Protein backbone atom coordinates (compact mmCIF):
# COMPACT_ATOMS: atom_id res chain seq x y z
CA MET A 1 -0.40 -0.31 0.22
CA THR A 2 1.29 3.24 -1.03
CA ASP A 3 1.64 5.94 1.55
CA LYS A 4 0.30 8.94 0.53
CA SER A 5 2.42 12.33 0.97
CA ASN A 6 0.88 14.88 3.48
CA ASP A 7 2.39 17.59 0.96
CA THR A 8 -0.51 19.13 -0.75
CA PRO A 9 0.41 20.98 -3.94
CA LYS A 10 0.29 24.74 -3.64
CA ALA A 11 -2.25 26.54 -5.78
CA GLU A 12 -0.70 29.33 -7.37
CA GLY A 13 -2.42 32.78 -7.86
CA PRO A 14 -4.98 34.87 -6.59
CA ALA A 15 -7.30 32.44 -5.90
CA ALA A 16 -4.29 30.50 -3.83
CA ALA A 17 -3.59 33.64 -2.04
CA GLY A 18 -7.83 33.66 -1.40
CA GLN A 19 -7.94 29.97 0.09
CA GLY A 20 -5.08 30.27 2.16
CA ALA A 21 -6.89 33.47 3.91
CA SER A 22 -9.99 31.61 4.05
CA ALA A 23 -7.97 28.98 5.40
CA ALA A 24 -6.70 30.92 8.10
CA GLY A 25 -10.14 31.81 9.45
CA ARG A 26 -9.93 35.89 8.12
CA PRO A 27 -12.15 36.73 5.46
CA VAL A 28 -10.96 37.63 2.22
CA THR A 29 -10.95 41.80 2.08
CA SER A 30 -9.80 44.40 -0.35
CA PRO A 31 -8.42 48.32 0.26
CA PHE A 32 -11.09 49.00 -2.36
CA ASP A 33 -13.94 47.24 -0.24
CA SER A 34 -13.51 49.49 2.89
CA PRO A 35 -10.48 51.98 2.79
CA THR A 36 -11.27 53.14 6.37
CA THR A 37 -11.09 49.35 7.92
CA GLN A 38 -7.59 49.16 6.23
CA MET A 39 -6.57 52.88 7.35
CA ARG A 40 -8.10 51.07 11.16
CA LYS A 41 -5.06 48.14 11.01
CA THR A 42 -2.70 50.48 9.83
CA ASP A 43 -0.08 50.91 12.50
CA PRO A 44 -0.65 54.96 13.26
CA LYS A 45 3.24 54.47 13.22
CA ASP A 46 3.39 53.52 9.72
CA VAL A 47 1.10 56.65 8.78
CA PRO A 48 3.12 59.41 6.86
CA ARG A 49 3.24 62.45 8.88
CA THR A 50 6.04 64.73 7.41
CA ASP A 51 7.14 65.45 3.49
CA GLU A 52 10.00 63.29 4.01
CA ASP A 53 7.38 60.29 4.81
CA LEU A 54 5.77 61.49 1.48
CA GLY A 55 8.98 61.48 -0.52
CA LEU A 56 8.34 65.07 -0.81
CA ASP A 57 11.14 67.63 -1.52
CA PRO A 58 10.62 71.19 0.02
CA GLY A 59 11.79 72.86 -2.73
CA ASP A 60 10.08 70.45 -5.91
CA GLU A 61 7.09 72.72 -7.67
CA VAL A 62 3.77 71.23 -8.65
CA PRO A 63 3.45 70.39 -12.24
CA GLY A 64 1.60 73.46 -13.59
CA ALA A 65 2.36 75.72 -10.72
CA SER A 66 4.18 78.50 -10.81
CA ALA A 67 5.29 81.75 -9.19
CA ALA A 68 3.69 83.96 -11.17
CA SER A 69 0.22 81.45 -10.49
CA THR A 70 0.73 81.27 -6.77
CA GLY A 71 1.65 84.89 -6.17
CA ARG A 72 5.00 83.69 -4.19
CA SER A 73 8.25 84.55 -4.65
CA GLY A 74 11.83 82.74 -3.41
CA GLY A 75 12.76 79.29 -2.76
CA ASP A 76 11.78 78.25 0.61
CA ASP A 77 7.93 78.64 -0.58
CA TYR A 78 6.30 75.77 -1.56
CA GLY A 79 4.72 75.74 -5.23
CA TYR A 80 1.21 74.87 -4.02
CA ALA A 81 -1.43 76.71 -6.52
CA THR A 82 -3.93 79.47 -4.74
CA ILE A 83 -7.16 80.57 -5.65
CA PRO A 84 -6.81 83.96 -7.33
CA PRO A 85 -8.34 86.93 -5.20
CA ALA A 86 -11.67 87.96 -6.17
CA SER A 87 -12.18 90.96 -8.86
CA ALA A 88 -13.58 94.29 -7.49
CA ALA A 89 -17.40 94.68 -7.81
CA SER A 90 -18.33 97.03 -10.86
CA ALA A 91 -20.85 99.68 -9.88
CA ASP A 92 -23.56 98.36 -11.70
CA THR A 93 -23.30 95.31 -9.61
CA VAL A 94 -23.34 97.58 -6.62
CA ARG A 95 -26.19 98.97 -7.31
CA LEU A 96 -27.79 96.02 -8.04
CA GLN A 97 -27.06 95.40 -4.50
CA ARG A 98 -28.68 98.32 -2.78
CA ARG A 99 -31.47 98.01 -4.50
CA ASN A 100 -31.89 94.28 -3.38
CA ARG A 101 -31.28 95.46 0.14
CA GLU A 102 -33.87 97.85 -0.22
CA ALA A 103 -36.52 95.91 -1.81
CA ARG A 104 -38.87 96.13 1.33
CA ARG A 105 -40.17 99.46 1.79
CA GLY A 106 -43.38 98.37 3.71
CA THR A 107 -45.99 101.26 3.47
CA LEU A 108 -43.39 104.10 2.37
CA ASP A 109 -44.54 103.97 -1.12
CA LEU A 110 -48.14 104.10 -0.37
CA GLY A 111 -47.92 106.84 2.04
CA LEU A 112 -46.17 109.18 -0.50
CA PHE A 113 -48.75 108.40 -2.86
CA VAL A 114 -51.46 109.35 -0.30
CA LEU A 115 -49.53 112.27 0.36
CA ARG A 116 -49.43 113.38 -3.52
CA LEU A 117 -53.37 112.74 -4.21
CA VAL A 118 -53.92 115.34 -1.51
CA VAL A 119 -51.74 118.04 -2.28
CA GLY A 120 -51.92 117.43 -6.01
CA TYR A 121 -55.56 117.22 -6.06
CA THR A 122 -55.58 120.38 -3.55
CA PHE A 123 -53.70 122.04 -6.28
CA ILE A 124 -55.81 120.89 -9.10
CA TYR A 125 -59.06 121.93 -7.45
CA HIS A 126 -57.84 125.89 -6.83
CA GLY A 127 -56.54 125.96 -10.46
CA LEU A 128 -59.61 124.82 -12.25
CA GLN A 129 -61.31 127.38 -9.70
CA LYS A 130 -59.21 130.00 -11.20
CA LEU A 131 -59.20 128.91 -15.11
CA THR A 132 -62.95 127.40 -15.11
CA GLY A 133 -65.17 129.08 -12.77
CA TRP A 134 -65.75 125.62 -11.25
CA PHE A 135 -66.55 124.68 -7.76
CA HIS A 136 -67.48 128.39 -7.00
CA GLY A 137 -64.39 130.11 -8.53
CA PRO A 138 -64.15 133.05 -10.15
CA GLY A 139 -62.95 132.00 -13.30
CA LEU A 140 -60.53 133.79 -15.58
CA ASP A 141 -61.92 137.09 -15.74
CA GLY A 142 -62.65 136.87 -11.80
CA THR A 143 -58.79 135.76 -11.50
CA LYS A 144 -57.40 138.90 -13.31
CA THR A 145 -59.59 141.20 -11.58
CA MET A 146 -58.80 139.90 -8.19
CA MET A 147 -55.01 139.70 -8.44
CA GLU A 148 -55.47 143.53 -10.33
CA SER A 149 -57.07 144.59 -6.98
CA GLY A 150 -54.52 142.75 -5.11
CA GLY A 151 -51.51 145.59 -6.44
CA TRP A 152 -50.22 142.83 -8.95
CA ASP A 153 -48.40 145.03 -11.46
CA TYR A 154 -49.37 142.46 -14.32
CA PRO A 155 -52.71 140.65 -13.66
CA SER A 156 -52.65 138.98 -16.89
CA LEU A 157 -49.17 137.52 -16.50
CA SER A 158 -50.07 136.55 -12.78
CA THR A 159 -52.98 134.92 -13.52
CA ALA A 160 -50.83 132.82 -15.80
CA LEU A 161 -48.74 131.98 -13.91
CA VAL A 162 -50.51 130.76 -10.58
CA ILE A 163 -52.57 128.89 -12.71
CA ALA A 164 -49.74 126.98 -14.38
CA GLY A 165 -48.49 126.26 -10.77
CA GLU A 166 -51.25 125.49 -9.55
CA LEU A 167 -52.87 123.09 -12.57
CA GLY A 168 -50.12 122.03 -14.20
CA GLY A 169 -47.90 121.05 -10.75
CA GLY A 170 -50.92 119.16 -9.28
CA ILE A 171 -51.42 117.21 -12.47
CA LEU A 172 -47.76 116.04 -12.47
CA LEU A 173 -47.93 115.82 -8.89
CA VAL A 174 -51.15 113.23 -8.70
CA ILE A 175 -49.52 110.76 -11.43
CA GLY A 176 -45.98 111.10 -10.27
CA LEU A 177 -44.22 112.35 -13.33
CA ALA A 178 -41.60 114.66 -13.21
CA THR A 179 -42.17 115.03 -9.56
CA PRO A 180 -39.12 117.07 -8.64
CA LEU A 181 -40.32 119.96 -11.19
CA ALA A 182 -44.10 119.43 -10.26
CA ALA A 183 -43.39 120.19 -6.38
CA GLY A 184 -41.31 122.86 -7.12
CA ALA A 185 -43.61 124.31 -8.92
CA VAL A 186 -46.63 124.35 -6.52
CA LEU A 187 -44.01 124.99 -3.61
CA ALA A 188 -42.96 128.12 -5.73
CA THR A 189 -46.96 128.90 -6.03
CA ILE A 190 -48.06 128.54 -2.61
CA LEU A 191 -45.22 130.47 -1.07
CA ASN A 192 -46.38 133.43 -3.25
CA ALA A 193 -49.45 133.35 -1.95
CA TRP A 194 -48.01 133.08 1.43
CA MET A 195 -45.88 136.14 0.90
CA TRP A 196 -49.07 138.06 -0.81
CA LYS A 197 -51.85 137.03 2.35
CA GLN A 198 -48.90 138.22 4.81
CA GLY A 199 -48.29 141.18 3.31
CA MET A 200 -51.52 142.74 3.18
CA VAL A 201 -52.25 143.24 6.91
CA PRO A 202 -48.93 144.25 9.64
CA GLY A 203 -48.07 141.11 12.22
CA PHE A 204 -47.58 137.43 11.51
CA GLN A 205 -50.92 136.51 10.09
CA TYR A 206 -51.12 132.25 10.46
CA ASN A 207 -54.50 132.23 11.84
CA ALA A 208 -56.87 130.35 9.33
CA GLY A 209 -60.16 131.87 10.62
CA THR A 210 -58.90 135.40 9.26
CA PRO A 211 -59.04 136.16 5.32
CA THR A 212 -55.11 136.63 5.37
CA GLY A 213 -54.23 134.04 7.61
CA VAL A 214 -51.81 131.63 5.81
CA GLU A 215 -52.39 128.56 7.66
CA LEU A 216 -53.52 126.46 4.77
CA ASP A 217 -50.55 127.65 2.87
CA SER A 218 -48.07 126.93 5.29
CA VAL A 219 -49.35 123.18 5.15
CA LEU A 220 -49.20 122.89 1.58
CA ALA A 221 -45.48 124.42 1.55
CA GLY A 222 -44.48 122.16 4.29
CA ALA A 223 -46.16 119.01 2.19
CA ALA A 224 -44.74 120.49 -1.07
CA LEU A 225 -41.06 120.17 0.20
CA ALA A 226 -41.95 116.80 1.85
CA ILE A 227 -42.33 115.26 -1.32
CA ILE A 228 -39.17 117.06 -2.66
CA LEU A 229 -36.95 115.50 -0.34
CA THR A 230 -38.36 112.31 -0.02
CA GLY A 231 -39.36 111.55 -3.60
CA PRO A 232 -42.66 110.12 -4.90
CA GLY A 233 -41.97 106.61 -4.05
CA ARG A 234 -43.06 103.48 -6.18
CA TRP A 235 -45.93 104.24 -7.36
CA SER A 236 -45.77 106.59 -9.67
CA PHE A 237 -44.31 107.44 -13.60
CA ASP A 238 -40.83 108.25 -11.88
CA ARG A 239 -40.58 104.99 -10.16
CA THR A 240 -37.51 104.24 -12.35
CA ARG A 241 -36.03 107.55 -11.89
CA GLY A 242 -33.36 107.94 -9.13
CA TRP A 243 -35.12 110.64 -7.18
CA ALA A 244 -37.91 108.19 -7.16
CA THR A 245 -36.46 106.69 -3.80
CA ARG A 246 -33.07 108.22 -3.26
CA PRO A 247 -33.29 111.94 -3.88
CA ALA A 248 -29.99 113.48 -2.97
CA TYR A 249 -28.44 116.89 -3.33
CA GLY A 250 -30.47 117.62 -6.74
CA SER A 251 -33.28 118.00 -4.16
CA PHE A 252 -31.96 120.77 -2.09
CA VAL A 253 -31.24 122.17 -5.89
CA VAL A 254 -34.65 121.88 -6.36
CA VAL A 255 -35.79 123.44 -2.78
CA VAL A 256 -33.41 126.95 -3.61
CA LEU A 257 -35.08 127.40 -6.95
CA ALA A 258 -38.50 126.96 -5.51
CA ILE A 259 -37.56 129.54 -3.24
CA ALA A 260 -35.72 131.61 -5.04
CA ALA A 261 -38.51 131.85 -8.26
CA ALA A 262 -41.01 132.72 -5.55
CA VAL A 263 -39.44 135.77 -4.42
CA LEU A 264 -38.27 136.73 -7.71
CA THR A 265 -41.60 136.58 -8.92
CA PHE A 266 -43.04 138.71 -6.22
CA TRP A 267 -40.66 141.04 -6.06
CA PHE A 268 -40.72 141.85 -9.99
CA LEU A 269 -44.86 141.75 -10.07
CA HIS A 270 -45.85 142.67 -6.91
CA GLY A 271 -42.91 144.45 -4.73
CA GLY A 272 -43.35 145.32 -0.83
CA ASN A 273 -42.00 143.27 2.06
CA PRO A 274 -44.09 139.80 2.52
CA LEU A 275 -42.64 140.05 6.13
CA THR A 276 -43.98 142.89 7.23
CA GLY A 277 -44.67 143.06 11.00
CA ILE A 278 -42.56 139.69 11.65
CA GLY A 279 -40.08 140.01 14.24
CA PRO A 280 -37.45 142.34 13.00
CA PHE A 281 -39.50 142.83 9.69
CA ASN A 282 -41.69 145.93 10.65
């Protein structure tokens, strides 16, 4: 009887390795199956921690990186590529960001719209009274007579100016078109009326209960001034204009021009001191 050899033929290749691993009682694993597990089984001492362990030379450059791309100079710096700095924002981008931040205006535009309606319709009402005689007004001829008896040197020109300021400026205020000019026109017109009434009787004439009281004129002048300084808002035909939501130094220019126009018009067409009896003006 022939004795069989205890030596079994060894298998060659990957299959043999797998069989050998299974025979040892360990499952067949691969670094691609569970790299985290493989890293845990690695001795911490074997993990590379320095450039020398990785086989890197601090003087070597990364392919494709240069001093111009990295912004570094000198032989001691690493040649790693860096993220280029962000370019400066353009003026259009800054404006767009501001508009996005200003998107929530609450009820501001609605309030400005109501203010324009009240002031604009008030001037339209008085302008139609003088031009057409509606609403128990004097009409065109009656307005000329009123201006002449009130001391205006050129009643026809004075009548045309006051009607244009009240009616034209009031309509433009209501629709919100060319708002700075419209508000400036009604401001100059109401300032002329204020100076006219104030100069009739010595003393400060503010009480609305008297024919020469300037209380209503003062309120309308303040409202027109507020519209110039705040802009018409987005509920207007000027909504795409800068002065609609962000009025700046141009508003002060309009205010100065309106006051100057009122003073010069009163001095040229009427004359006299409109501040008679107020403080030092006697």
